[in-house]
Amino acid sequence: KYLFEEELKKSGLTYCIHRPTGYFYDIVKVFRPMIE
């Protein structure tokens, strides 16, 4: 994803990049099997 972002920035195209840290359901998905 980082490499794609760098190519996009150099392309001359207008861009707006969003980098979410993670989602609420990510935590549940990762921890739930271990909690069980």
PDB file of all heavy atoms in Angstrom:
ATOM      1  N   LYS A   1       0.841  -1.203   0.000  1.00  0.00           N
ATOM      2  CA  LYS A   1       0.000   0.000   0.000  1.00  0.00           C
ATOM      3  C   LYS A   1       0.877   1.254   0.000  1.00  0.00           C
ATOM      4  O   LYS A   1       0.592   2.228  -0.704  1.00  0.00           O
ATOM      5  CB  LYS A   1      -0.928   0.013   1.211  1.00  0.00           C
ATOM      6  CG  LYS A   1      -1.860   1.221   1.270  1.00  0.00           C
ATOM      7  CD  LYS A   1      -2.780   1.141   2.465  1.00  0.00           C
ATOM      8  CE  LYS A   1      -3.772   2.305   2.478  1.00  0.00           C
ATOM      9  NZ  LYS A   1      -3.120   3.612   2.623  1.00  0.00           N
ATOM     10  N   TYR A   2       1.951   1.227   0.782  1.00  0.00           N
ATOM     11  CA  TYR A   2       2.863   2.372   0.837  1.00  0.00           C
ATOM     12  C   TYR A   2       3.487   2.645  -0.526  1.00  0.00           C
ATOM     13  O   TYR A   2       3.562   3.800  -0.981  1.00  0.00           O
ATOM     14  CB  TYR A   2       3.964   2.110   1.872  1.00  0.00           C
ATOM     15  CG  TYR A   2       5.105   3.092   1.807  1.00  0.00           C
ATOM     16  CD1 TYR A   2       4.964   4.388   2.325  1.00  0.00           C
ATOM     17  CD2 TYR A   2       6.312   2.744   1.198  1.00  0.00           C
ATOM     18  CE1 TYR A   2       6.012   5.296   2.242  1.00  0.00           C
ATOM     19  CE2 TYR A   2       7.358   3.651   1.117  1.00  0.00           C
ATOM     20  CZ  TYR A   2       7.200   4.928   1.634  1.00  0.00           C
ATOM     21  OH  TYR A   2       8.233   5.833   1.547  1.00  0.00           O
ATOM     22  N   LEU A   3       3.916   1.586  -1.210  1.00  0.00           N
ATOM     23  CA  LEU A   3       4.520   1.755  -2.540  1.00  0.00           C
ATOM     24  C   LEU A   3       3.514   2.339  -3.526  1.00  0.00           C
ATOM     25  O   LEU A   3       3.865   3.190  -4.352  1.00  0.00           O
ATOM     26  CB  LEU A   3       5.039   0.408  -3.045  1.00  0.00           C
ATOM     27  CG  LEU A   3       6.227  -0.185  -2.287  1.00  0.00           C
ATOM     28  CD1 LEU A   3       6.596  -1.549  -2.856  1.00  0.00           C
ATOM     29  CD2 LEU A   3       7.436   0.759  -2.341  1.00  0.00           C
ATOM     30  N   PHE A   4       2.260   1.869  -3.434  1.00  0.00           N
ATOM     31  CA  PHE A   4       1.223   2.425  -4.309  1.00  0.00           C
ATOM     32  C   PHE A   4       1.005   3.906  -4.012  1.00  0.00           C
ATOM     33  O   PHE A   4       0.857   4.713  -4.940  1.00  0.00           O
ATOM     34  CB  PHE A   4      -0.087   1.657  -4.120  1.00  0.00           C
ATOM     35  CG  PHE A   4      -1.226   2.220  -4.929  1.00  0.00           C
ATOM     36  CD1 PHE A   4      -1.350   1.937  -6.281  1.00  0.00           C
ATOM     37  CD2 PHE A   4      -2.162   3.068  -4.341  1.00  0.00           C
ATOM     38  CE1 PHE A   4      -2.384   2.471  -7.030  1.00  0.00           C
ATOM     39  CE2 PHE A   4      -3.198   3.604  -5.077  1.00  0.00           C
ATOM     40  CZ  PHE A   4      -3.308   3.312  -6.430  1.00  0.00           C
ATOM     41  N   GLU A   5       0.970   4.266  -2.727  1.00  0.00           N
ATOM     42  CA  GLU A   5       0.799   5.674  -2.354  1.00  0.00           C
ATOM     43  C   GLU A   5       1.903   6.536  -2.963  1.00  0.00           C
ATOM     44  O   GLU A   5       1.639   7.634  -3.474  1.00  0.00           O
ATOM     45  CB  GLU A   5       0.814   5.820  -0.831  1.00  0.00           C
ATOM     46  CG  GLU A   5      -0.421   5.285  -0.125  1.00  0.00           C
ATOM     47  CD  GLU A   5      -0.317   5.470   1.377  1.00  0.00           C
ATOM     48  OE1 GLU A   5       0.724   6.007   1.839  1.00  0.00           O
ATOM     49  OE2 GLU A   5      -1.263   5.086   2.091  1.00  0.00           O
ATOM     50  N   GLU A   6       3.149   6.054  -2.882  1.00  0.00           N
ATOM     51  CA  GLU A   6       4.274   6.824  -3.404  1.00  0.00           C
ATOM     52  C   GLU A   6       4.164   7.007  -4.918  1.00  0.00           C
ATOM     53  O   GLU A   6       4.459   8.085  -5.445  1.00  0.00           O
ATOM     54  CB  GLU A   6       5.594   6.128  -3.042  1.00  0.00           C
ATOM     55  CG  GLU A   6       5.886   6.123  -1.548  1.00  0.00           C
ATOM     56  CD  GLU A   6       5.896   7.525  -0.966  1.00  0.00           C
ATOM     57  OE1 GLU A   6       6.718   8.345  -1.416  1.00  0.00           O
ATOM     58  OE2 GLU A   6       5.059   7.808  -0.070  1.00  0.00           O
ATOM     59  N   GLU A   7       3.739   5.964  -5.615  1.00  0.00           N
ATOM     60  CA  GLU A   7       3.567   6.074  -7.068  1.00  0.00           C
ATOM     61  C   GLU A   7       2.427   7.029  -7.408  1.00  0.00           C
ATOM     62  O   GLU A   7       2.500   7.790  -8.374  1.00  0.00           O
ATOM     63  CB  GLU A   7       3.297   4.694  -7.677  1.00  0.00           C
ATOM     64  CG  GLU A   7       4.498   3.762  -7.654  1.00  0.00           C
ATOM     65  CD  GLU A   7       5.681   4.325  -8.417  1.00  0.00           C
ATOM     66  OE1 GLU A   7       5.470   4.878  -9.529  1.00  0.00           O
ATOM     67  OE2 GLU A   7       6.821   4.223  -7.915  1.00  0.00           O
ATOM     68  N   LEU A   8       1.371   6.984  -6.615  1.00  0.00           N
ATOM     69  CA  LEU A   8       0.230   7.874  -6.833  1.00  0.00           C
ATOM     70  C   LEU A   8       0.645   9.331  -6.652  1.00  0.00           C
ATOM     71  O   LEU A   8       0.261  10.202  -7.448  1.00  0.00           O
ATOM     72  CB  LEU A   8      -0.899   7.521  -5.861  1.00  0.00           C
ATOM     73  CG  LEU A   8      -2.167   8.385  -5.920  1.00  0.00           C
ATOM     74  CD1 LEU A   8      -2.811   8.302  -7.292  1.00  0.00           C
ATOM     75  CD2 LEU A   8      -3.156   7.950  -4.836  1.00  0.00           C
ATOM     76  N   LYS A   9       1.444   9.597  -5.622  1.00  0.00           N
ATOM     77  CA  LYS A   9       1.890  10.960  -5.368  1.00  0.00           C
ATOM     78  C   LYS A   9       2.748  11.488  -6.516  1.00  0.00           C
ATOM     79  O   LYS A   9       2.705  12.679  -6.852  1.00  0.00           O
ATOM     80  CB  LYS A   9       2.691  11.017  -4.058  1.00  0.00           C
ATOM     81  CG  LYS A   9       1.867  10.777  -2.804  1.00  0.00           C
ATOM     82  CD  LYS A   9       2.773  10.744  -1.579  1.00  0.00           C
ATOM     83  CE  LYS A   9       2.005  10.420  -0.316  1.00  0.00           C
ATOM     84  NZ  LYS A   9       2.887  10.318   0.865  1.00  0.00           N
ATOM     85  N   LYS A  10       3.536  10.605  -7.139  1.00  0.00           N
ATOM     86  CA  LYS A  10       4.430  11.023  -8.222  1.00  0.00           C
ATOM     87  C   LYS A  10       3.729  11.087  -9.581  1.00  0.00           C
ATOM     88  O   LYS A  10       4.284  11.604 -10.540  1.00  0.00           O
ATOM     89  CB  LYS A  10       5.620  10.051  -8.316  1.00  0.00           C
ATOM     90  CG  LYS A  10       6.555  10.103  -7.122  1.00  0.00           C
ATOM     91  CD  LYS A  10       7.775   9.231  -7.307  1.00  0.00           C
ATOM     92  CE  LYS A  10       7.440   7.764  -7.361  1.00  0.00           C
ATOM     93  NZ  LYS A  10       8.670   6.909  -7.446  1.00  0.00           N
ATOM     94  N   SER A  11       2.503  10.558  -9.633  1.00  0.00           N
ATOM     95  CA  SER A  11       1.819  10.426 -10.923  1.00  0.00           C
ATOM     96  C   SER A  11       1.290  11.738 -11.480  1.00  0.00           C
ATOM     97  O   SER A  11       1.027  11.856 -12.683  1.00  0.00           O
ATOM     98  CB  SER A  11       0.642   9.459 -10.776  1.00  0.00           C
ATOM     99  OG  SER A  11      -0.386  10.051  -9.970  1.00  0.00           O
ATOM    100  N   GLY A  12       1.115  12.733 -10.630  1.00  0.00           N
ATOM    101  CA  GLY A  12       0.517  13.979 -11.078  1.00  0.00           C
ATOM    102  C   GLY A  12      -0.989  14.004 -10.924  1.00  0.00           C
ATOM    103  O   GLY A  12      -1.628  15.042 -11.133  1.00  0.00           O
ATOM    104  N   LEU A  13      -1.568  12.860 -10.566  1.00  0.00           N
ATOM    105  CA  LEU A  13      -3.005  12.790 -10.319  1.00  0.00           C
ATOM    106  C   LEU A  13      -3.342  13.411  -8.966  1.00  0.00           C
ATOM    107  O   LEU A  13      -2.524  13.393  -8.038  1.00  0.00           O
ATOM    108  CB  LEU A  13      -3.490  11.336 -10.332  1.00  0.00           C
ATOM    109  CG  LEU A  13      -3.355  10.569 -11.652  1.00  0.00           C
ATOM    110  CD1 LEU A  13      -3.676   9.097 -11.419  1.00  0.00           C
ATOM    111  CD2 LEU A  13      -4.270  11.160 -12.716  1.00  0.00           C
ATOM    112  N   THR A  14      -4.527  13.980  -8.871  1.00  0.00           N
ATOM    113  CA  THR A  14      -4.994  14.488  -7.584  1.00  0.00           C
ATOM    114  C   THR A  14      -5.336  13.306  -6.685  1.00  0.00           C
ATOM    115  O   THR A  14      -5.967  12.346  -7.111  1.00  0.00           O
ATOM    116  CB  THR A  14      -6.241  15.366  -7.769  1.00  0.00           C
ATOM    117  OG1 THR A  14      -5.897  16.482  -8.605  1.00  0.00           O
ATOM    118  CG2 THR A  14      -6.736  15.894  -6.424  1.00  0.00           C
ATOM    119  N   TYR A  15      -4.927  13.370  -5.437  1.00  0.00           N
ATOM    120  CA  TYR A  15      -5.160  12.245  -4.534  1.00  0.00           C
ATOM    121  C   TYR A  15      -5.603  12.716  -3.143  1.00  0.00           C
ATOM    122  O   TYR A  15      -5.359  13.859  -2.734  1.00  0.00           O
ATOM    123  CB  TYR A  15      -3.886  11.397  -4.388  1.00  0.00           C
ATOM    124  CG  TYR A  15      -2.728  12.133  -3.753  1.00  0.00           C
ATOM    125  CD1 TYR A  15      -2.595  12.216  -2.357  1.00  0.00           C
ATOM    126  CD2 TYR A  15      -1.755  12.755  -4.535  1.00  0.00           C
ATOM    127  CE1 TYR A  15      -1.535  12.894  -1.772  1.00  0.00           C
ATOM    128  CE2 TYR A  15      -0.698  13.442  -3.963  1.00  0.00           C
ATOM    129  CZ  TYR A  15      -0.583  13.505  -2.568  1.00  0.00           C
ATOM    130  OH  TYR A  15       0.453  14.180  -2.000  1.00  0.00           O
ATOM    131  N   CYS A  16      -6.273  11.818  -2.452  1.00  0.00           N
ATOM    132  CA  CYS A  16      -6.586  12.000  -1.031  1.00  0.00           C
ATOM    133  C   CYS A  16      -6.469  10.607  -0.408  1.00  0.00           C
ATOM    134  O   CYS A  16      -7.267   9.716  -0.708  1.00  0.00           O
ATOM    135  CB  CYS A  16      -7.990  12.562  -0.825  1.00  0.00           C
ATOM    136  SG  CYS A  16      -8.393  12.840   0.920  1.00  0.00           S
ATOM    137  N   ILE A  17      -5.465  10.416   0.419  1.00  0.00           N
ATOM    138  CA  ILE A  17      -5.153   9.104   0.976  1.00  0.00           C
ATOM    139  C   ILE A  17      -5.633   9.028   2.429  1.00  0.00           C
ATOM    140  O   ILE A  17      -5.331   9.898   3.241  1.00  0.00           O
ATOM    141  CB  ILE A  17      -3.636   8.834   0.915  1.00  0.00           C
ATOM    142  CG1 ILE A  17      -3.170   8.820  -0.545  1.00  0.00           C
ATOM    143  CG2 ILE A  17      -3.295   7.526   1.616  1.00  0.00           C
ATOM    144  CD1 ILE A  17      -1.661   8.770  -0.698  1.00  0.00           C
ATOM    145  N   HIS A  18      -6.373   7.977   2.716  1.00  0.00           N
ATOM    146  CA  HIS A  18      -6.848   7.732   4.083  1.00  0.00           C
ATOM    147  C   HIS A  18      -6.145   6.506   4.647  1.00  0.00           C
ATOM    148  O   HIS A  18      -6.143   5.442   4.020  1.00  0.00           O
ATOM    149  CB  HIS A  18      -8.360   7.512   4.101  1.00  0.00           C
ATOM    150  CG  HIS A  18      -9.144   8.691   3.619  1.00  0.00           C
ATOM    151  ND1 HIS A  18      -9.510   9.726   4.453  1.00  0.00           N
ATOM    152  CD2 HIS A  18      -9.618   9.014   2.387  1.00  0.00           C
ATOM    153  CE1 HIS A  18     -10.187  10.630   3.770  1.00  0.00           C
ATOM    154  NE2 HIS A  18     -10.259  10.218   2.509  1.00  0.00           N
ATOM    155  N   ARG A  19      -5.558   6.654   5.814  1.00  0.00           N
ATOM    156  CA  ARG A  19      -4.879   5.539   6.484  1.00  0.00           C
ATOM    157  C   ARG A  19      -5.554   5.266   7.830  1.00  0.00           C
ATOM    158  O   ARG A  19      -5.163   5.815   8.857  1.00  0.00           O
ATOM    159  CB  ARG A  19      -3.409   5.877   6.718  1.00  0.00           C
ATOM    160  CG  ARG A  19      -2.590   6.125   5.457  1.00  0.00           C
ATOM    161  CD  ARG A  19      -1.222   6.658   5.847  1.00  0.00           C
ATOM    162  NE  ARG A  19      -0.349   6.863   4.699  1.00  0.00           N
ATOM    163  CZ  ARG A  19       0.788   7.568   4.766  1.00  0.00           C
ATOM    164  NH1 ARG A  19       1.153   8.125   5.914  1.00  0.00           N
ATOM    165  NH2 ARG A  19       1.541   7.695   3.689  1.00  0.00           N
ATOM    166  N   PRO A  20      -6.561   4.410   7.860  1.00  0.00           N
ATOM    167  CA  PRO A  20      -7.208   4.096   9.149  1.00  0.00           C
ATOM    168  C   PRO A  20      -6.297   3.226  10.005  1.00  0.00           C
ATOM    169  O   PRO A  20      -5.583   2.353   9.500  1.00  0.00           O
ATOM    170  CB  PRO A  20      -8.464   3.327   8.720  1.00  0.00           C
ATOM    171  CG  PRO A  20      -8.086   2.694   7.422  1.00  0.00           C
ATOM    172  CD  PRO A  20      -7.181   3.689   6.731  1.00  0.00           C
ATOM    173  N   THR A  21      -6.315   3.469  11.283  1.00  0.00           N
ATOM    174  CA  THR A  21      -5.481   2.684  12.198  1.00  0.00           C
ATOM    175  C   THR A  21      -6.007   1.268  12.353  1.00  0.00           C
ATOM    176  O   THR A  21      -5.251   0.338  12.651  1.00  0.00           O
ATOM    177  CB  THR A  21      -5.452   3.343  13.581  1.00  0.00           C
ATOM    178  OG1 THR A  21      -6.806   3.482  14.060  1.00  0.00           O
ATOM    179  CG2 THR A  21      -4.828   4.722  13.511  1.00  0.00           C
ATOM    180  N   GLY A  22      -7.298   1.095  12.174  1.00  0.00           N
ATOM    181  CA  GLY A  22      -7.969  -0.189  12.382  1.00  0.00           C
ATOM    182  C   GLY A  22      -9.397   0.095  12.789  1.00  0.00           C
ATOM    183  O   GLY A  22      -9.763   1.244  13.059  1.00  0.00           O
ATOM    184  N   TYR A  23     -10.208  -0.946  12.812  1.00  0.00           N
ATOM    185  CA  TYR A  23     -11.634  -0.779  13.114  1.00  0.00           C
ATOM    186  C   TYR A  23     -12.018  -1.540  14.387  1.00  0.00           C
ATOM    187  O   TYR A  23     -11.333  -2.481  14.798  1.00  0.00           O
ATOM    188  CB  TYR A  23     -12.482  -1.281  11.945  1.00  0.00           C
ATOM    189  CG  TYR A  23     -12.090  -0.690  10.616  1.00  0.00           C
ATOM    190  CD1 TYR A  23     -11.654  -1.497   9.578  1.00  0.00           C
ATOM    191  CD2 TYR A  23     -12.128   0.693  10.409  1.00  0.00           C
ATOM    192  CE1 TYR A  23     -11.280  -0.958   8.355  1.00  0.00           C
ATOM    193  CE2 TYR A  23     -11.761   1.238   9.186  1.00  0.00           C
ATOM    194  CZ  TYR A  23     -11.335   0.409   8.166  1.00  0.00           C
ATOM    195  OH  TYR A  23     -10.958   0.960   6.959  1.00  0.00           O
ATOM    196  N   PHE A  24     -13.124  -1.126  14.971  1.00  0.00           N
ATOM    197  CA  PHE A  24     -13.601  -1.800  16.174  1.00  0.00           C
ATOM    198  C   PHE A  24     -13.699  -3.310  15.958  1.00  0.00           C
ATOM    199  O   PHE A  24     -13.286  -4.107  16.791  1.00  0.00           O
ATOM    200  CB  PHE A  24     -14.972  -1.261  16.587  1.00  0.00           C
ATOM    201  CG  PHE A  24     -14.966   0.154  17.089  1.00  0.00           C
ATOM    202  CD1 PHE A  24     -16.152   0.856  17.219  1.00  0.00           C
ATOM    203  CD2 PHE A  24     -13.792   0.793  17.428  1.00  0.00           C
ATOM    204  CE1 PHE A  24     -16.164   2.169  17.675  1.00  0.00           C
ATOM    205  CE2 PHE A  24     -13.784   2.104  17.888  1.00  0.00           C
ATOM    206  CZ  PHE A  24     -14.981   2.793  18.018  1.00  0.00           C
ATOM    207  N   TYR A  25     -14.282  -3.692  14.794  1.00  0.00           N
ATOM    208  CA  TYR A  25     -14.505  -5.122  14.574  1.00  0.00           C
ATOM    209  C   TYR A  25     -13.184  -5.869  14.370  1.00  0.00           C
ATOM    210  O   TYR A  25     -13.121  -7.088  14.538  1.00  0.00           O
ATOM    211  CB  TYR A  25     -15.460  -5.355  13.406  1.00  0.00           C
ATOM    212  CG  TYR A  25     -14.917  -5.039  12.037  1.00  0.00           C
ATOM    213  CD1 TYR A  25     -14.044  -5.912  11.385  1.00  0.00           C
ATOM    214  CD2 TYR A  25     -15.304  -3.887  11.366  1.00  0.00           C
ATOM    215  CE1 TYR A  25     -13.548  -5.629  10.121  1.00  0.00           C
ATOM    216  CE2 TYR A  25     -14.827  -3.607  10.093  1.00  0.00           C
ATOM    217  CZ  TYR A  25     -13.947  -4.473   9.480  1.00  0.00           C
ATOM    218  OH  TYR A  25     -13.467  -4.194   8.220  1.00  0.00           O
ATOM    219  N   ASP A  26     -12.101  -5.137  13.984  1.00  0.00           N
ATOM    220  CA  ASP A  26     -10.794  -5.784  13.865  1.00  0.00           C
ATOM    221  C   ASP A  26     -10.360  -6.382  15.196  1.00  0.00           C
ATOM    222  O   ASP A  26      -9.833  -7.502  15.257  1.00  0.00           O
ATOM    223  CB  ASP A  26      -9.733  -4.773  13.426  1.00  0.00           C
ATOM    224  CG  ASP A  26      -9.843  -4.405  11.952  1.00  0.00           C
ATOM    225  OD1 ASP A  26     -10.397  -5.220  11.196  1.00  0.00           O
ATOM    226  OD2 ASP A  26      -9.368  -3.330  11.571  1.00  0.00           O
ATOM    227  N   ILE A  27     -10.562  -5.617  16.270  1.00  0.00           N
ATOM    228  CA  ILE A  27     -10.151  -6.077  17.589  1.00  0.00           C
ATOM    229  C   ILE A  27     -10.927  -7.323  17.980  1.00  0.00           C
ATOM    230  O   ILE A  27     -10.352  -8.301  18.476  1.00  0.00           O
ATOM    231  CB  ILE A  27     -10.375  -4.962  18.641  1.00  0.00           C
ATOM    232  CG1 ILE A  27      -9.563  -3.715  18.259  1.00  0.00           C
ATOM    233  CG2 ILE A  27      -9.985  -5.450  20.027  1.00  0.00           C
ATOM    234  CD1 ILE A  27      -8.077  -3.949  18.131  1.00  0.00           C
ATOM    235  N   VAL A  28     -12.228  -7.309  17.730  1.00  0.00           N
ATOM    236  CA  VAL A  28     -13.055  -8.472  18.051  1.00  0.00           C
ATOM    237  C   VAL A  28     -12.623  -9.677  17.226  1.00  0.00           C
ATOM    238  O   VAL A  28     -12.497 -10.797  17.738  1.00  0.00           O
ATOM    239  CB  VAL A  28     -14.548  -8.167  17.807  1.00  0.00           C
ATOM    240  CG1 VAL A  28     -15.393  -9.414  18.036  1.00  0.00           C
ATOM    241  CG2 VAL A  28     -15.018  -7.044  18.723  1.00  0.00           C
ATOM    242  N   LYS A  29     -12.378  -9.449  15.935  1.00  0.00           N
ATOM    243  CA  LYS A  29     -12.002 -10.542  15.041  1.00  0.00           C
ATOM    244  C   LYS A  29     -10.685 -11.179  15.466  1.00  0.00           C
ATOM    245  O   LYS A  29     -10.523 -12.409  15.400  1.00  0.00           O
ATOM    246  CB  LYS A  29     -11.899 -10.020  13.604  1.00  0.00           C
ATOM    247  CG  LYS A  29     -11.600 -11.106  12.579  1.00  0.00           C
ATOM    248  CD  LYS A  29     -11.582 -10.541  11.179  1.00  0.00           C
ATOM    249  CE  LYS A  29     -11.305 -11.632  10.142  1.00  0.00           C
ATOM    250  NZ  LYS A  29     -11.290 -11.086   8.759  1.00  0.00           N
ATOM    251  N   VAL A  30      -9.729 -10.357  15.896  1.00  0.00           N
ATOM    252  CA  VAL A  30      -8.421 -10.871  16.292  1.00  0.00           C
ATOM    253  C   VAL A  30      -8.476 -11.566  17.654  1.00  0.00           C
ATOM    254  O   VAL A  30      -7.937 -12.662  17.835  1.00  0.00           O
ATOM    255  CB  VAL A  30      -7.374  -9.731  16.329  1.00  0.00           C
ATOM    256  CG1 VAL A  30      -6.077 -10.215  16.966  1.00  0.00           C
ATOM    257  CG2 VAL A  30      -7.100  -9.222  14.923  1.00  0.00           C
ATOM    258  N   PHE A  31      -9.150 -10.924  18.613  1.00  0.00           N
ATOM    259  CA  PHE A  31      -9.125 -11.434  19.981  1.00  0.00           C
ATOM    260  C   PHE A  31     -10.159 -12.519  20.275  1.00  0.00           C
ATOM    261  O   PHE A  31      -9.940 -13.351  21.157  1.00  0.00           O
ATOM    262  CB  PHE A  31      -9.312 -10.288  20.984  1.00  0.00           C
ATOM    263  CG  PHE A  31      -8.090  -9.437  21.164  1.00  0.00           C
ATOM    264  CD1 PHE A  31      -8.205  -8.064  21.325  1.00  0.00           C
ATOM    265  CD2 PHE A  31      -6.836  -9.994  21.183  1.00  0.00           C
ATOM    266  CE1 PHE A  31      -7.077  -7.272  21.497  1.00  0.00           C
ATOM    267  CE2 PHE A  31      -5.700  -9.220  21.351  1.00  0.00           C
ATOM    268  CZ  PHE A  31      -5.817  -7.854  21.506  1.00  0.00           C
ATOM    269  N   ARG A  32     -11.287 -12.516  19.570  1.00  0.00           N
ATOM    270  CA  ARG A  32     -12.373 -13.430  19.926  1.00  0.00           C
ATOM    271  C   ARG A  32     -11.956 -14.902  19.961  1.00  0.00           C
ATOM    272  O   ARG A  32     -12.252 -15.598  20.956  1.00  0.00           O
ATOM    273  CB  ARG A  32     -13.567 -13.242  18.994  1.00  0.00           C
ATOM    274  CG  ARG A  32     -14.746 -14.159  19.359  1.00  0.00           C
ATOM    275  CD  ARG A  32     -15.989 -13.789  18.588  1.00  0.00           C
ATOM    276  NE  ARG A  32     -15.802 -13.935  17.157  1.00  0.00           N
ATOM    277  CZ  ARG A  32     -16.727 -13.604  16.254  1.00  0.00           C
ATOM    278  NH1 ARG A  32     -17.875 -13.091  16.653  1.00  0.00           N
ATOM    279  NH2 ARG A  32     -16.496 -13.772  14.975  1.00  0.00           N
ATOM    280  N   PRO A  33     -11.269 -15.424  18.922  1.00  0.00           N
ATOM    281  CA  PRO A  33     -10.886 -16.844  18.995  1.00  0.00           C
ATOM    282  C   PRO A  33      -9.994 -17.153  20.192  1.00  0.00           C
ATOM    283  O   PRO A  33     -10.113 -18.224  20.806  1.00  0.00           O
ATOM    284  CB  PRO A  33     -10.144 -17.078  17.669  1.00  0.00           C
ATOM    285  CG  PRO A  33     -10.624 -15.992  16.769  1.00  0.00           C
ATOM    286  CD  PRO A  33     -10.859 -14.812  17.655  1.00  0.00           C
ATOM    287  N   MET A  34      -9.104 -16.217  20.539  1.00  0.00           N
ATOM    288  CA  MET A  34      -8.208 -16.430  21.675  1.00  0.00           C
ATOM    289  C   MET A  34      -8.969 -16.329  22.996  1.00  0.00           C
ATOM    290  O   MET A  34      -8.699 -17.089  23.939  1.00  0.00           O
ATOM    291  CB  MET A  34      -7.050 -15.428  21.619  1.00  0.00           C
ATOM    292  CG  MET A  34      -6.122 -15.638  20.438  1.00  0.00           C
ATOM    293  SD  MET A  34      -4.641 -14.589  20.484  1.00  0.00           S
ATOM    294  CE  MET A  34      -5.330 -13.002  19.963  1.00  0.00           C
ATOM    295  N   ILE A  35      -9.915 -15.378  23.062  1.00  0.00           N
ATOM    296  CA  ILE A  35     -10.726 -15.238  24.270  1.00  0.00           C
ATOM    297  C   ILE A  35     -11.523 -16.516  24.514  1.00  0.00           C
ATOM    298  O   ILE A  35     -11.644 -16.998  25.648  1.00  0.00           O
ATOM    299  CB  ILE A  35     -11.690 -14.038  24.158  1.00  0.00           C
ATOM    300  CG1 ILE A  35     -10.910 -12.723  24.046  1.00  0.00           C
ATOM    301  CG2 ILE A  35     -12.651 -13.997  25.342  1.00  0.00           C
ATOM    302  CD1 ILE A  35     -10.140 -12.340  25.266  1.00  0.00           C
ATOM    303  N   GLU A  36     -12.071 -17.087  23.432  1.00  0.00           N
ATOM    304  CA  GLU A  36     -12.853 -18.319  23.559  1.00  0.00           C
ATOM    305  C   GLU A  36     -11.998 -19.458  24.099  1.00  0.00           C
ATOM    306  O   GLU A  36     -12.496 -20.331  24.826  1.00  0.00           O
ATOM    307  CB  GLU A  36     -13.456 -18.692  22.201  1.00  0.00           C
ATOM    308  CG  GLU A  36     -14.554 -17.733  21.747  1.00  0.00           C
ATOM    309  CD  GLU A  36     -15.057 -18.032  20.347  1.00  0.00           C
ATOM    310  OE1 GLU A  36     -14.425 -18.888  19.669  1.00  0.00           O
ATOM    311  OE2 GLU A  36     -16.060 -17.436  19.932  1.00  0.00           O
TER     312      GLU A  36
END
